[in-house]
Amino acid sequence: MINTCASQWPRRFEGGTFIAGEPFLLDYISDMDLRQMITATTNKIESYHKLEDWIRFGSTQLTTSNNPDEMDKAIKYNDLVANCIMLQNVIDMSSICHDLRKEGHKITEEDLSHMSPYMTEHLKRFGEYVVNLNRRPANLYEIRDKRLFERRSDPIAHVS
C-alpha cells in the first residue's frame, strides 16, 4: 500500500536532501485508524516470519553453500512447509469452530479475528512422525462447505 502511493507523492529537494512522502507522514501522524491498520498488518507479517524462523531453526548452520540456486530452493521449501502448516491449522481451527457451533456456542467475527494460522505450540518439531498410508485424508470439500455464520452474503461466512 505504501509503495503504490509513494509514486503519487510530490517530490522535491531541500538542502541537498530528497524529500518524499510528506502527505503520508502527516496522515499517519493524525489518523489513528491508519496507524492501527498498519500496525495490525505489520504484526501479521512478523507473525508469518516468526513461523518461518521456527521452521528454519537450524538452516543458518546447515547452509553450506552460497549458491543462489540452493538458497532459492531453501526459501521455496521453507515456504512450502509453512503453507502446509498454515493449511492444517486452518482445517483444524475450522473443524473446532464447527464442532463448537454444533454444541450451541455462538462464534462471532470478533472471535475469529483473534485466531491465527501461524501457531506452532501444538507441533512437535522433534516428535514422532508416524505416516499411515492407509488412512484417508479428511474430505476438504465437506469442511470447506460448512458455514460459520447464518447469512450467506458475509465474506467470511464460507470459503469458496
C-alpha atoms as a PDB file:
ATOM      1  CA  MET A   1       0.000   0.000   0.000  1.00  0.00           C
ATOM      2  CA  ILE A   2       2.715   2.463   0.953  1.00  0.00           C
ATOM      3  CA  ASN A   3       4.868   1.735  -2.119  1.00  0.00           C
ATOM      4  CA  THR A   4       1.995   2.206  -4.579  1.00  0.00           C
ATOM      5  CA  CYS A   5       1.076   5.536  -3.034  1.00  0.00           C
ATOM      6  CA  ALA A   6       4.678   6.729  -2.930  1.00  0.00           C
ATOM      7  CA  SER A   7       4.834   7.204  -6.698  1.00  0.00           C
ATOM      8  CA  GLN A   8       1.996   9.753  -6.492  1.00  0.00           C
ATOM      9  CA  TRP A   9       3.514  11.942  -3.781  1.00  0.00           C
ATOM     10  CA  PRO A  10       5.092  15.276  -4.635  1.00  0.00           C
ATOM     11  CA  ARG A  11       8.885  15.156  -4.504  1.00  0.00           C
ATOM     12  CA  ARG A  12      11.362  17.956  -4.023  1.00  0.00           C
ATOM     13  CA  PHE A  13      14.900  18.678  -2.933  1.00  0.00           C
ATOM     14  CA  GLU A  14      15.672  20.702   0.165  1.00  0.00           C
ATOM     15  CA  GLY A  15      19.214  21.481   1.177  1.00  0.00           C
ATOM     16  CA  GLY A  16      20.556  18.659  -0.993  1.00  0.00           C
ATOM     17  CA  THR A  17      18.176  16.103   0.608  1.00  0.00           C
ATOM     18  CA  PHE A  18      15.420  14.342  -1.298  1.00  0.00           C
ATOM     19  CA  ILE A  19      12.049  14.801   0.450  1.00  0.00           C
ATOM     20  CA  ALA A  20       9.140  12.473  -0.411  1.00  0.00           C
ATOM     21  CA  GLY A  21       6.021  11.263   1.298  1.00  0.00           C
ATOM     22  CA  GLU A  22       5.183  14.250   3.459  1.00  0.00           C
ATOM     23  CA  PRO A  23       1.416  13.829   2.930  1.00  0.00           C
ATOM     24  CA  PHE A  24       1.592  10.212   4.093  1.00  0.00           C
ATOM     25  CA  LEU A  25       3.589  11.098   7.187  1.00  0.00           C
ATOM     26  CA  LEU A  26       1.104  13.815   8.113  1.00  0.00           C
ATOM     27  CA  ASP A  27      -1.790  11.401   7.542  1.00  0.00           C
ATOM     28  CA  TYR A  28      -0.018   8.739   9.592  1.00  0.00           C
ATOM     29  CA  ILE A  29       0.548  11.107  12.498  1.00  0.00           C
ATOM     30  CA  SER A  30      -3.006  12.450  12.503  1.00  0.00           C
ATOM     31  CA  ASP A  31      -5.030   9.314  11.628  1.00  0.00           C
ATOM     32  CA  MET A  32      -5.305   6.784  14.450  1.00  0.00           C
ATOM     33  CA  ASP A  33      -7.192   4.254  12.280  1.00  0.00           C
ATOM     34  CA  LEU A  34      -4.407   4.307   9.676  1.00  0.00           C
ATOM     35  CA  ARG A  35      -1.781   3.693  12.360  1.00  0.00           C
ATOM     36  CA  GLN A  36      -3.794   0.800  13.805  1.00  0.00           C
ATOM     37  CA  MET A  37      -4.249  -0.768  10.345  1.00  0.00           C
ATOM     38  CA  ILE A  38      -0.529  -0.501   9.564  1.00  0.00           C
ATOM     39  CA  THR A  39       0.413  -1.919  12.971  1.00  0.00           C
ATOM     40  CA  ALA A  40      -2.015  -4.841  12.576  1.00  0.00           C
ATOM     41  CA  THR A  41      -0.690  -5.625   9.097  1.00  0.00           C
ATOM     42  CA  THR A  42       2.901  -5.415  10.300  1.00  0.00           C
ATOM     43  CA  ASN A  43       2.091  -7.760  13.181  1.00  0.00           C
ATOM     44  CA  LYS A  44       0.610 -10.314  10.761  1.00  0.00           C
ATOM     45  CA  ILE A  45       3.690 -10.201   8.565  1.00  0.00           C
ATOM     46  CA  GLU A  46       6.003 -10.529  11.549  1.00  0.00           C
ATOM     47  CA  SER A  47       3.955 -13.495  12.810  1.00  0.00           C
ATOM     48  CA  TYR A  48       4.473 -15.215   9.456  1.00  0.00           C
ATOM     49  CA  HIS A  49       8.206 -14.504   9.619  1.00  0.00           C
ATOM     50  CA  LYS A  50       8.281 -15.925  13.140  1.00  0.00           C
ATOM     51  CA  LEU A  51       6.649 -19.112  11.805  1.00  0.00           C
ATOM     52  CA  GLU A  52       9.227 -19.315   9.006  1.00  0.00           C
ATOM     53  CA  ASP A  53      12.060 -18.804  11.501  1.00  0.00           C
ATOM     54  CA  TRP A  54      10.600 -21.556  13.685  1.00  0.00           C
ATOM     55  CA  ILE A  55      10.589 -23.923  10.696  1.00  0.00           C
ATOM     56  CA  ARG A  56      14.079 -22.890   9.569  1.00  0.00           C
ATOM     57  CA  PHE A  57      15.570 -23.117  13.078  1.00  0.00           C
ATOM     58  CA  GLY A  58      18.856 -24.785  12.077  1.00  0.00           C
ATOM     59  CA  SER A  59      19.300 -23.763   8.481  1.00  0.00           C
ATOM     60  CA  THR A  60      21.794 -20.988   9.178  1.00  0.00           C
ATOM     61  CA  GLN A  61      24.262 -23.595  10.400  1.00  0.00           C
ATOM     62  CA  LEU A  62      23.205 -26.212   7.842  1.00  0.00           C
ATOM     63  CA  THR A  63      23.575 -23.993   4.790  1.00  0.00           C
ATOM     64  CA  THR A  64      26.967 -24.920   3.420  1.00  0.00           C
ATOM     65  CA  SER A  65      26.856 -23.094   0.123  1.00  0.00           C
ATOM     66  CA  ASN A  66      26.374 -19.589  -1.149  1.00  0.00           C
ATOM     67  CA  ASN A  67      24.956 -20.998  -4.364  1.00  0.00           C
ATOM     68  CA  PRO A  68      21.942 -18.799  -5.281  1.00  0.00           C
ATOM     69  CA  ASP A  69      20.023 -21.796  -6.674  1.00  0.00           C
ATOM     70  CA  GLU A  70      20.431 -23.721  -3.427  1.00  0.00           C
ATOM     71  CA  MET A  71      19.406 -20.678  -1.396  1.00  0.00           C
ATOM     72  CA  ASP A  72      16.351 -20.189  -3.613  1.00  0.00           C
ATOM     73  CA  LYS A  73      15.381 -23.845  -3.107  1.00  0.00           C
ATOM     74  CA  ALA A  74      15.759 -23.497   0.660  1.00  0.00           C
ATOM     75  CA  ILE A  75      13.419 -20.473   0.665  1.00  0.00           C
ATOM     76  CA  LYS A  76      10.849 -22.250  -1.504  1.00  0.00           C
ATOM     77  CA  TYR A  77      10.942 -25.417   0.627  1.00  0.00           C
ATOM     78  CA  ASN A  78      10.554 -23.337   3.768  1.00  0.00           C
ATOM     79  CA  ASP A  79       7.544 -21.547   2.233  1.00  0.00           C
ATOM     80  CA  LEU A  80       6.049 -24.904   1.238  1.00  0.00           C
ATOM     81  CA  VAL A  81       6.345 -26.265   4.776  1.00  0.00           C
ATOM     82  CA  ALA A  82       4.925 -23.006   6.198  1.00  0.00           C
ATOM     83  CA  ASN A  83       1.952 -23.209   3.827  1.00  0.00           C
ATOM     84  CA  CYS A  84       1.337 -26.845   4.809  1.00  0.00           C
ATOM     85  CA  ILE A  85       1.382 -25.939   8.500  1.00  0.00           C
ATOM     86  CA  MET A  86      -0.966 -22.999   7.941  1.00  0.00           C
ATOM     87  CA  LEU A  87      -3.382 -25.125   5.868  1.00  0.00           C
ATOM     88  CA  GLN A  88      -3.533 -27.814   8.549  1.00  0.00           C
ATOM     89  CA  ASN A  89      -4.006 -25.171  11.256  1.00  0.00           C
ATOM     90  CA  VAL A  90      -6.904 -23.608   9.330  1.00  0.00           C
ATOM     91  CA  ILE A  91      -8.513 -27.028   8.794  1.00  0.00           C
ATOM     92  CA  ASP A  92      -8.156 -27.857  12.497  1.00  0.00           C
ATOM     93  CA  MET A  93      -9.468 -24.457  13.642  1.00  0.00           C
ATOM     94  CA  SER A  94     -12.415 -24.658  11.217  1.00  0.00           C
ATOM     95  CA  SER A  95     -13.307 -28.125  12.441  1.00  0.00           C
ATOM     96  CA  ILE A  96     -13.172 -26.982  16.067  1.00  0.00           C
ATOM     97  CA  CYS A  97     -15.324 -23.919  15.285  1.00  0.00           C
ATOM     98  CA  HIS A  98     -17.923 -26.092  13.574  1.00  0.00           C
ATOM     99  CA  ASP A  99     -17.952 -28.536  16.497  1.00  0.00           C
ATOM    100  CA  LEU A 100     -18.409 -25.652  18.946  1.00  0.00           C
ATOM    101  CA  ARG A 101     -21.239 -24.285  16.823  1.00  0.00           C
ATOM    102  CA  LYS A 102     -22.951 -27.709  16.842  1.00  0.00           C
ATOM    103  CA  GLU A 103     -22.728 -27.651  20.650  1.00  0.00           C
ATOM    104  CA  GLY A 104     -24.620 -24.348  20.640  1.00  0.00           C
ATOM    105  CA  HIS A 105     -21.783 -21.871  21.060  1.00  0.00           C
ATOM    106  CA  LYS A 106     -22.039 -18.687  19.047  1.00  0.00           C
ATOM    107  CA  ILE A 107     -18.934 -17.771  17.058  1.00  0.00           C
ATOM    108  CA  THR A 108     -18.582 -14.150  16.046  1.00  0.00           C
ATOM    109  CA  GLU A 109     -16.305 -12.329  13.647  1.00  0.00           C
ATOM    110  CA  GLU A 110     -14.618 -10.846  16.717  1.00  0.00           C
ATOM    111  CA  ASP A 111     -13.788 -14.369  17.926  1.00  0.00           C
ATOM    112  CA  LEU A 112     -12.305 -15.299  14.562  1.00  0.00           C
ATOM    113  CA  SER A 113     -10.282 -12.089  14.376  1.00  0.00           C
ATOM    114  CA  HIS A 114      -8.154 -13.336  17.289  1.00  0.00           C
ATOM    115  CA  MET A 115      -7.278 -16.629  15.593  1.00  0.00           C
ATOM    116  CA  SER A 116      -4.099 -17.131  13.612  1.00  0.00           C
ATOM    117  CA  PRO A 117      -2.874 -19.899  11.310  1.00  0.00           C
ATOM    118  CA  TYR A 118       0.704 -19.227  12.440  1.00  0.00           C
ATOM    119  CA  MET A 119       0.501 -21.306  15.647  1.00  0.00           C
ATOM    120  CA  THR A 120       3.354 -23.701  16.418  1.00  0.00           C
ATOM    121  CA  GLU A 121       2.829 -24.567  20.097  1.00  0.00           C
ATOM    122  CA  HIS A 122       0.952 -27.772  19.236  1.00  0.00           C
ATOM    123  CA  LEU A 123       3.571 -29.027  16.762  1.00  0.00           C
ATOM    124  CA  LYS A 124       6.289 -31.493  17.717  1.00  0.00           C
ATOM    125  CA  ARG A 125       9.339 -30.357  15.839  1.00  0.00           C
ATOM    126  CA  PHE A 126      11.408 -33.263  17.166  1.00  0.00           C
ATOM    127  CA  GLY A 127       8.480 -35.585  17.890  1.00  0.00           C
ATOM    128  CA  GLU A 128       7.330 -38.857  16.432  1.00  0.00           C
ATOM    129  CA  TYR A 129       6.136 -38.762  12.862  1.00  0.00           C
ATOM    130  CA  VAL A 130       4.000 -41.772  12.025  1.00  0.00           C
ATOM    131  CA  VAL A 131       2.790 -41.988   8.438  1.00  0.00           C
ATOM    132  CA  ASN A 132      -0.272 -44.161   7.893  1.00  0.00           C
ATOM    133  CA  LEU A 133      -0.658 -44.597   4.150  1.00  0.00           C
ATOM    134  CA  ASN A 134      -3.951 -46.492   4.613  1.00  0.00           C
ATOM    135  CA  ARG A 135      -5.683 -43.555   6.319  1.00  0.00           C
ATOM    136  CA  ARG A 136      -7.783 -41.425   4.004  1.00  0.00           C
ATOM    137  CA  PRO A 137      -7.488 -37.651   4.372  1.00  0.00           C
ATOM    138  CA  ALA A 138     -10.429 -35.575   5.549  1.00  0.00           C
ATOM    139  CA  ASN A 139     -12.914 -34.544   2.912  1.00  0.00           C
ATOM    140  CA  LEU A 140     -11.814 -30.960   2.257  1.00  0.00           C
ATOM    141  CA  TYR A 141     -14.991 -30.180   0.313  1.00  0.00           C
ATOM    142  CA  GLU A 142     -17.093 -31.108   3.323  1.00  0.00           C
ATOM    143  CA  ILE A 143     -15.004 -28.859   5.558  1.00  0.00           C
ATOM    144  CA  ARG A 144     -14.973 -26.038   3.010  1.00  0.00           C
ATOM    145  CA  ASP A 145     -18.750 -26.050   2.546  1.00  0.00           C
ATOM    146  CA  LYS A 146     -19.538 -25.620   6.253  1.00  0.00           C
ATOM    147  CA  ARG A 147     -20.683 -22.123   7.223  1.00  0.00           C
ATOM    148  CA  LEU A 148     -19.976 -20.358  10.475  1.00  0.00           C
ATOM    149  CA  PHE A 149     -22.474 -17.549  10.057  1.00  0.00           C
ATOM    150  CA  GLU A 150     -26.130 -17.519   9.086  1.00  0.00           C
ATOM    151  CA  ARG A 151     -26.042 -15.027   6.207  1.00  0.00           C
ATOM    152  CA  ARG A 152     -24.516 -16.379   3.004  1.00  0.00           C
ATOM    153  CA  SER A 153     -23.538 -12.840   1.935  1.00  0.00           C
ATOM    154  CA  ASP A 154     -20.929 -12.454   4.700  1.00  0.00           C
ATOM    155  CA  PRO A 155     -17.460 -12.512   3.125  1.00  0.00           C
ATOM    156  CA  ILE A 156     -16.112 -14.805   5.862  1.00  0.00           C
ATOM    157  CA  ALA A 157     -19.265 -16.913   6.155  1.00  0.00           C
ATOM    158  CA  HIS A 158     -17.880 -19.588   3.873  1.00  0.00           C
ATOM    159  CA  VAL A 159     -14.772 -20.371   1.926  1.00  0.00           C
ATOM    160  CA  SER A 160     -15.276 -20.528  -1.807  1.00  0.00           C
END
